Amino acid sequence: MFWEHSGDEAARIGRYKWVHHLDPADGGGLFDLQSDIGERHDLSAEQPQVLADIRARYAAWKNEMDHADPRGPFEDY
């Protein structure tokens, strides 16, 4: 699952969740939701390959969405 809101980005792939906020003071990072449901321990430095994979998959999704035709009630937006 991927999402973006007001410039903040996030992805959930399996047990991992990556969150990137525009404002670093808001936190963010890579979290293992299986062992850290409260998202308290950022694994970015410990799991750089997982982080790189999730960010690459997010970038591919974002690129696909940026090039997709609008659908539903927003097509004229």
PDB file of N, CA and C in Angstrom:
ATOM      1  N   MET A   1       0.851  -1.155   0.000  1.00  0.00           N
ATOM      2  CA  MET A   1       0.000   0.000   0.000  1.00  0.00           C
ATOM      3  C   MET A   1       0.909   1.233   0.000  1.00  0.00           C
ATOM      4  N   PHE A   2       0.574   2.196  -0.839  1.00  0.00           N
ATOM      5  CA  PHE A   2       1.343   3.433  -0.940  1.00  0.00           C
ATOM      6  C   PHE A   2       0.391   4.610  -0.782  1.00  0.00           C
ATOM      7  N   TRP A   3       0.876   5.692  -0.193  1.00  0.00           N
ATOM      8  CA  TRP A   3       0.049   6.884  -0.108  1.00  0.00           C
ATOM      9  C   TRP A   3       0.907   8.124  -0.005  1.00  0.00           C
ATOM     10  N   GLU A   4       0.260   9.245  -0.365  1.00  0.00           N
ATOM     11  CA  GLU A   4       0.888  10.559  -0.307  1.00  0.00           C
ATOM     12  C   GLU A   4      -0.184  11.549   0.123  1.00  0.00           C
ATOM     13  N   HIS A   5       0.186  12.445   1.015  1.00  0.00           N
ATOM     14  CA  HIS A   5      -0.757  13.463   1.487  1.00  0.00           C
ATOM     15  C   HIS A   5       0.018  14.710   1.871  1.00  0.00           C
ATOM     16  N   SER A   6      -0.319  15.805   1.258  1.00  0.00           N
ATOM     17  CA  SER A   6       0.307  17.104   1.560  1.00  0.00           C
ATOM     18  C   SER A   6       1.832  17.030   1.518  1.00  0.00           C
ATOM     19  N   GLY A   7       2.353  16.251   0.578  1.00  0.00           N
ATOM     20  CA  GLY A   7       3.801  16.138   0.426  1.00  0.00           C
ATOM     21  C   GLY A   7       4.450  15.060   1.274  1.00  0.00           C
ATOM     22  N   ASP A   8       3.740  14.546   2.272  1.00  0.00           N
ATOM     23  CA  ASP A   8       4.262  13.433   3.056  1.00  0.00           C
ATOM     24  C   ASP A   8       4.057  12.148   2.262  1.00  0.00           C
ATOM     25  N   GLU A   9       4.984  11.196   2.406  1.00  0.00           N
ATOM     26  CA  GLU A   9       4.931   9.955   1.651  1.00  0.00           C
ATOM     27  C   GLU A   9       5.014   8.769   2.604  1.00  0.00           C
ATOM     28  N   ALA A  10       4.393   7.653   2.209  1.00  0.00           N
ATOM     29  CA  ALA A  10       4.460   6.456   3.040  1.00  0.00           C
ATOM     30  C   ALA A  10       4.175   5.220   2.199  1.00  0.00           C
ATOM     31  N   ALA A  11       4.690   4.103   2.675  1.00  0.00           N
ATOM     32  CA  ALA A  11       4.440   2.824   2.020  1.00  0.00           C
ATOM     33  C   ALA A  11       4.412   1.731   3.081  1.00  0.00           C
ATOM     34  N   ARG A  12       3.567   0.749   2.856  1.00  0.00           N
ATOM     35  CA  ARG A  12       3.497  -0.433   3.714  1.00  0.00           C
ATOM     36  C   ARG A  12       3.677  -1.633   2.804  1.00  0.00           C
ATOM     37  N   ILE A  13       4.749  -2.381   3.035  1.00  0.00           N
ATOM     38  CA  ILE A  13       5.019  -3.588   2.263  1.00  0.00           C
ATOM     39  C   ILE A  13       5.336  -4.692   3.268  1.00  0.00           C
ATOM     40  N   GLY A  14       4.437  -5.653   3.344  1.00  0.00           N
ATOM     41  CA  GLY A  14       4.624  -6.742   4.303  1.00  0.00           C
ATOM     42  C   GLY A  14       4.670  -6.215   5.724  1.00  0.00           C
ATOM     43  N   ARG A  15       5.702  -6.578   6.420  1.00  0.00           N
ATOM     44  CA  ARG A  15       5.825  -6.188   7.827  1.00  0.00           C
ATOM     45  C   ARG A  15       6.407  -4.789   8.004  1.00  0.00           C
ATOM     46  N   TYR A  16       6.892  -4.185   6.912  1.00  0.00           N
ATOM     47  CA  TYR A  16       7.588  -2.902   7.011  1.00  0.00           C
ATOM     48  C   TYR A  16       6.726  -1.729   6.560  1.00  0.00           C
ATOM     49  N   LYS A  17       6.941  -0.610   7.227  1.00  0.00           N
ATOM     50  CA  LYS A  17       6.288   0.643   6.866  1.00  0.00           C
ATOM     51  C   LYS A  17       7.359   1.722   6.806  1.00  0.00           C
ATOM     52  N   TRP A  18       7.343   2.491   5.716  1.00  0.00           N
ATOM     53  CA  TRP A  18       8.264   3.616   5.541  1.00  0.00           C
ATOM     54  C   TRP A  18       7.439   4.894   5.508  1.00  0.00           C
ATOM     55  N   VAL A  19       7.875   5.886   6.253  1.00  0.00           N
ATOM     56  CA  VAL A  19       7.190   7.175   6.314  1.00  0.00           C
ATOM     57  C   VAL A  19       8.219   8.279   6.125  1.00  0.00           C
ATOM     58  N   HIS A  20       7.903   9.220   5.231  1.00  0.00           N
ATOM     59  CA  HIS A  20       8.764  10.379   5.013  1.00  0.00           C
ATOM     60  C   HIS A  20       7.908  11.630   5.096  1.00  0.00           C
ATOM     61  N   HIS A  21       8.203  12.479   6.061  1.00  0.00           N
ATOM     62  CA  HIS A  21       7.477  13.736   6.235  1.00  0.00           C
ATOM     63  C   HIS A  21       8.302  14.883   5.657  1.00  0.00           C
ATOM     64  N   LEU A  22       7.632  15.872   5.107  1.00  0.00           N
ATOM     65  CA  LEU A  22       8.327  17.061   4.623  1.00  0.00           C
ATOM     66  C   LEU A  22       9.080  17.753   5.754  1.00  0.00           C
ATOM     67  N   ASP A  23       8.459  17.787   6.910  1.00  0.00           N
ATOM     68  CA  ASP A  23       9.073  18.397   8.088  1.00  0.00           C
ATOM     69  C   ASP A  23       9.725  17.299   8.929  1.00  0.00           C
ATOM     70  N   PRO A  24      11.054  17.257   8.993  1.00  0.00           N
ATOM     71  CA  PRO A  24      11.740  16.203   9.756  1.00  0.00           C
ATOM     72  C   PRO A  24      11.326  16.152  11.231  1.00  0.00           C
ATOM     73  N   ALA A  25      10.844  17.251  11.760  1.00  0.00           N
ATOM     74  CA  ALA A  25      10.412  17.270  13.157  1.00  0.00           C
ATOM     75  C   ALA A  25       9.200  16.360  13.387  1.00  0.00           C
ATOM     76  N   ASP A  26       8.501  16.005  12.306  1.00  0.00           N
ATOM     77  CA  ASP A  26       7.330  15.136  12.422  1.00  0.00           C
ATOM     78  C   ASP A  26       7.708  13.659  12.522  1.00  0.00           C
ATOM     79  N   GLY A  27       8.998  13.363  12.453  1.00  0.00           N
ATOM     80  CA  GLY A  27       9.443  11.975  12.576  1.00  0.00           C
ATOM     81  C   GLY A  27       9.506  11.281  11.230  1.00  0.00           C
ATOM     82  N   GLY A  28       9.294   9.992  11.249  1.00  0.00           N
ATOM     83  CA  GLY A  28       9.356   9.198  10.029  1.00  0.00           C
ATOM     84  C   GLY A  28      10.452   8.171  10.125  1.00  0.00           C
ATOM     85  N   GLY A  29      10.605   7.379   9.073  1.00  0.00           N
ATOM     86  CA  GLY A  29      11.631   6.361   9.031  1.00  0.00           C
ATOM     87  C   GLY A  29      11.076   5.044   8.548  1.00  0.00           C
ATOM     88  N   LEU A  30      11.812   3.985   8.840  1.00  0.00           N
ATOM     89  CA  LEU A  30      11.443   2.627   8.468  1.00  0.00           C
ATOM     90  C   LEU A  30      11.125   1.859   9.745  1.00  0.00           C
ATOM     91  N   PHE A  31       9.978   1.189   9.748  1.00  0.00           N
ATOM     92  CA  PHE A  31       9.534   0.495  10.946  1.00  0.00           C
ATOM     93  C   PHE A  31       9.101  -0.929  10.622  1.00  0.00           C
ATOM     94  N   ASP A  32       9.394  -1.855  11.532  1.00  0.00           N
ATOM     95  CA  ASP A  32       8.956  -3.238  11.440  1.00  0.00           C
ATOM     96  C   ASP A  32       7.693  -3.344  12.289  1.00  0.00           C
ATOM     97  N   LEU A  33       6.537  -3.336  11.634  1.00  0.00           N
ATOM     98  CA  LEU A  33       5.277  -3.321  12.374  1.00  0.00           C
ATOM     99  C   LEU A  33       4.987  -4.628  13.088  1.00  0.00           C
ATOM    100  N   GLN A  34       5.687  -5.683  12.733  1.00  0.00           N
ATOM    101  CA  GLN A  34       5.486  -6.955  13.425  1.00  0.00           C
ATOM    102  C   GLN A  34       6.050  -6.902  14.846  1.00  0.00           C
ATOM    103  N   SER A  35       7.166  -6.180  15.015  1.00  0.00           N
ATOM    104  CA  SER A  35       7.779  -6.115  16.342  1.00  0.00           C
ATOM    105  C   SER A  35       7.710  -4.716  16.966  1.00  0.00           C
ATOM    106  N   ASP A  36       7.260  -3.724  16.205  1.00  0.00           N
ATOM    107  CA  ASP A  36       7.244  -2.333  16.680  1.00  0.00           C
ATOM    108  C   ASP A  36       5.995  -1.623  16.166  1.00  0.00           C
ATOM    109  N   ILE A  37       4.838  -2.058  16.633  1.00  0.00           N
ATOM    110  CA  ILE A  37       3.572  -1.499  16.153  1.00  0.00           C
ATOM    111  C   ILE A  37       3.443  -0.012  16.471  1.00  0.00           C
ATOM    112  N   GLY A  38       4.150   0.457  17.500  1.00  0.00           N
ATOM    113  CA  GLY A  38       4.088   1.864  17.874  1.00  0.00           C
ATOM    114  C   GLY A  38       5.025   2.753  17.065  1.00  0.00           C
ATOM    115  N   GLU A  39       5.773   2.157  16.131  1.00  0.00           N
ATOM    116  CA  GLU A  39       6.689   2.903  15.257  1.00  0.00           C
ATOM    117  C   GLU A  39       7.646   3.776  16.072  1.00  0.00           C
ATOM    118  N   ARG A  40       8.338   3.154  17.017  1.00  0.00           N
ATOM    119  CA  ARG A  40       9.251   3.891  17.885  1.00  0.00           C
ATOM    120  C   ARG A  40      10.721   3.712  17.515  1.00  0.00           C
ATOM    121  N   HIS A  41      11.058   2.641  16.787  1.00  0.00           N
ATOM    122  CA  HIS A  41      12.455   2.342  16.472  1.00  0.00           C
ATOM    123  C   HIS A  41      12.683   2.407  14.959  1.00  0.00           C
ATOM    124  N   ASP A  42      13.329   3.474  14.505  1.00  0.00           N
ATOM    125  CA  ASP A  42      13.623   3.670  13.081  1.00  0.00           C
ATOM    126  C   ASP A  42      14.735   2.707  12.667  1.00  0.00           C
ATOM    127  N   LEU A  43      14.441   1.857  11.695  1.00  0.00           N
ATOM    128  CA  LEU A  43      15.393   0.858  11.208  1.00  0.00           C
ATOM    129  C   LEU A  43      16.156   1.300   9.960  1.00  0.00           C
ATOM    130  N   SER A  44      16.046   2.552   9.564  1.00  0.00           N
ATOM    131  CA  SER A  44      16.670   3.027   8.328  1.00  0.00           C
ATOM    132  C   SER A  44      18.159   2.703   8.255  1.00  0.00           C
ATOM    133  N   ALA A  45      18.895   2.927   9.320  1.00  0.00           N
ATOM    134  CA  ALA A  45      20.337   2.676   9.325  1.00  0.00           C
ATOM    135  C   ALA A  45      20.655   1.185   9.430  1.00  0.00           C
ATOM    136  N   GLU A  46      19.785   0.440  10.098  1.00  0.00           N
ATOM    137  CA  GLU A  46      20.029  -0.988  10.308  1.00  0.00           C
ATOM    138  C   GLU A  46      19.582  -1.860   9.133  1.00  0.00           C
ATOM    139  N   GLN A  47      18.631  -1.378   8.363  1.00  0.00           N
ATOM    140  CA  GLN A  47      18.060  -2.144   7.246  1.00  0.00           C
ATOM    141  C   GLN A  47      18.083  -1.308   5.959  1.00  0.00           C
ATOM    142  N   PRO A  48      19.262  -0.851   5.506  1.00  0.00           N
ATOM    143  CA  PRO A  48      19.302   0.031   4.332  1.00  0.00           C
ATOM    144  C   PRO A  48      18.772  -0.620   3.056  1.00  0.00           C
ATOM    145  N   GLN A  49      18.921  -1.931   2.904  1.00  0.00           N
ATOM    146  CA  GLN A  49      18.431  -2.588   1.692  1.00  0.00           C
ATOM    147  C   GLN A  49      16.906  -2.647   1.671  1.00  0.00           C
ATOM    148  N   VAL A  50      16.309  -2.892   2.830  1.00  0.00           N
ATOM    149  CA  VAL A  50      14.840  -2.882   2.923  1.00  0.00           C
ATOM    150  C   VAL A  50      14.332  -1.482   2.610  1.00  0.00           C
ATOM    151  N   LEU A  51      14.979  -0.479   3.181  1.00  0.00           N
ATOM    152  CA  LEU A  51      14.588   0.907   2.929  1.00  0.00           C
ATOM    153  C   LEU A  51      14.714   1.240   1.447  1.00  0.00           C
ATOM    154  N   ALA A  52      15.806   0.868   0.821  1.00  0.00           N
ATOM    155  CA  ALA A  52      16.014   1.152  -0.602  1.00  0.00           C
ATOM    156  C   ALA A  52      14.953   0.460  -1.455  1.00  0.00           C
ATOM    157  N   ASP A  53      14.613  -0.781  -1.119  1.00  0.00           N
ATOM    158  CA  ASP A  53      13.595  -1.509  -1.873  1.00  0.00           C
ATOM    159  C   ASP A  53      12.234  -0.833  -1.754  1.00  0.00           C
ATOM    160  N   ILE A  54      11.851  -0.465  -0.558  1.00  0.00           N
ATOM    161  CA  ILE A  54      10.548   0.177  -0.360  1.00  0.00           C
ATOM    162  C   ILE A  54      10.503   1.524  -1.067  1.00  0.00           C
ATOM    163  N   ARG A  55      11.555   2.303  -0.960  1.00  0.00           N
ATOM    164  CA  ARG A  55      11.571   3.610  -1.626  1.00  0.00           C
ATOM    165  C   ARG A  55      11.531   3.462  -3.141  1.00  0.00           C
ATOM    166  N   ALA A  56      12.203   2.454  -3.681  1.00  0.00           N
ATOM    167  CA  ALA A  56      12.167   2.217  -5.130  1.00  0.00           C
ATOM    168  C   ALA A  56      10.766   1.813  -5.573  1.00  0.00           C
ATOM    169  N   ARG A  57      10.130   0.964  -4.798  1.00  0.00           N
ATOM    170  CA  ARG A  57       8.770   0.546  -5.142  1.00  0.00           C
ATOM    171  C   ARG A  57       7.795   1.710  -5.017  1.00  0.00           C
ATOM    172  N   TYR A  58       7.993   2.578  -4.024  1.00  0.00           N
ATOM    173  CA  TYR A  58       7.162   3.777  -3.897  1.00  0.00           C
ATOM    174  C   TYR A  58       7.358   4.678  -5.114  1.00  0.00           C
ATOM    175  N   ALA A  59       8.614   4.881  -5.523  1.00  0.00           N
ATOM    176  CA  ALA A  59       8.911   5.739  -6.675  1.00  0.00           C
ATOM    177  C   ALA A  59       8.259   5.199  -7.949  1.00  0.00           C
ATOM    178  N   ALA A  60       8.269   3.888  -8.129  1.00  0.00           N
ATOM    179  CA  ALA A  60       7.631   3.289  -9.302  1.00  0.00           C
ATOM    180  C   ALA A  60       6.121   3.515  -9.266  1.00  0.00           C
ATOM    181  N   TRP A  61       5.523   3.339  -8.083  1.00  0.00           N
ATOM    182  CA  TRP A  61       4.089   3.601  -7.933  1.00  0.00           C
ATOM    183  C   TRP A  61       3.766   5.061  -8.218  1.00  0.00           C
ATOM    184  N   LYS A  62       4.564   5.967  -7.653  1.00  0.00           N
ATOM    185  CA  LYS A  62       4.331   7.404  -7.840  1.00  0.00           C
ATOM    186  C   LYS A  62       4.427   7.771  -9.313  1.00  0.00           C
ATOM    187  N   ASN A  63       5.425   7.227 -10.005  1.00  0.00           N
ATOM    188  CA  ASN A  63       5.575   7.490 -11.433  1.00  0.00           C
ATOM    189  C   ASN A  63       4.358   6.991 -12.210  1.00  0.00           C
ATOM    190  N   GLU A  64       3.882   5.801 -11.858  1.00  0.00           N
ATOM    191  CA  GLU A  64       2.695   5.258 -12.522  1.00  0.00           C
ATOM    192  C   GLU A  64       1.477   6.146 -12.280  1.00  0.00           C
ATOM    193  N   MET A  65       1.295   6.606 -11.056  1.00  0.00           N
ATOM    194  CA  MET A  65       0.151   7.460 -10.736  1.00  0.00           C
ATOM    195  C   MET A  65       0.256   8.819 -11.435  1.00  0.00           C
ATOM    196  N   ASP A  66       1.461   9.359 -11.515  1.00  0.00           N
ATOM    197  CA  ASP A  66       1.652  10.652 -12.178  1.00  0.00           C
ATOM    198  C   ASP A  66       1.314  10.598 -13.659  1.00  0.00           C
ATOM    199  N   HIS A  67       1.422   9.419 -14.261  1.00  0.00           N
ATOM    200  CA  HIS A  67       1.158   9.270 -15.692  1.00  0.00           C
ATOM    201  C   HIS A  67      -0.189   8.616 -15.999  1.00  0.00           C
ATOM    202  N   ALA A  68      -0.969   8.330 -14.974  1.00  0.00           N
ATOM    203  CA  ALA A  68      -2.277   7.704 -15.164  1.00  0.00           C
ATOM    204  C   ALA A  68      -3.327   8.766 -15.474  1.00  0.00           C
ATOM    205  N   ASP A  69      -4.317   8.377 -16.262  1.00  0.00           N
ATOM    206  CA  ASP A  69      -5.433   9.265 -16.537  1.00  0.00           C
ATOM    207  C   ASP A  69      -6.302   9.381 -15.295  1.00  0.00           C
ATOM    208  N   PRO A  70      -6.844  10.575 -15.053  1.00  0.00           N
ATOM    209  CA  PRO A  70      -7.768  10.728 -13.916  1.00  0.00           C
ATOM    210  C   PRO A  70      -8.982   9.821 -14.123  1.00  0.00           C
ATOM    211  N   ARG A  71      -9.589   9.388 -13.028  1.00  0.00           N
ATOM    212  CA  ARG A  71     -10.773   8.555 -13.122  1.00  0.00           C
ATOM    213  C   ARG A  71     -11.757   8.957 -12.033  1.00  0.00           C
ATOM    214  N   GLY A  72     -12.954   8.477 -12.190  1.00  0.00           N
ATOM    215  CA  GLY A  72     -13.981   8.750 -11.188  1.00  0.00           C
ATOM    216  C   GLY A  72     -14.412  10.203 -11.205  1.00  0.00           C
ATOM    217  N   PRO A  73     -14.902  10.690 -10.079  1.00  0.00           N
ATOM    218  CA  PRO A  73     -15.468  12.047 -10.033  1.00  0.00           C
ATOM    219  C   PRO A  73     -14.408  13.143 -10.188  1.00  0.00           C
ATOM    220  N   PHE A  74     -13.120  12.768 -10.217  1.00  0.00           N
ATOM    221  CA  PHE A  74     -12.061  13.773 -10.284  1.00  0.00           C
ATOM    222  C   PHE A  74     -11.536  13.989 -11.689  1.00  0.00           C
ATOM    223  N   GLU A  75     -12.109  13.351 -12.700  1.00  0.00           N
ATOM    224  CA  GLU A  75     -11.537  13.426 -14.036  1.00  0.00           C
ATOM    225  C   GLU A  75     -11.501  14.846 -14.592  1.00  0.00           C
ATOM    226  N   ASP A  76     -12.374  15.729 -14.149  1.00  0.00           N
ATOM    227  CA  ASP A  76     -12.368  17.117 -14.622  1.00  0.00           C
ATOM    228  C   ASP A  76     -11.722  18.057 -13.631  1.00  0.00           C
ATOM    229  N   TYR A  77     -11.132  17.537 -12.614  1.00  0.00           N
ATOM    230  CA  TYR A  77     -10.557  18.334 -11.533  1.00  0.00           C
ATOM    231  C   TYR A  77      -9.280  18.998 -11.970  1.00  0.00           C
TER     232      TYR A  77
END
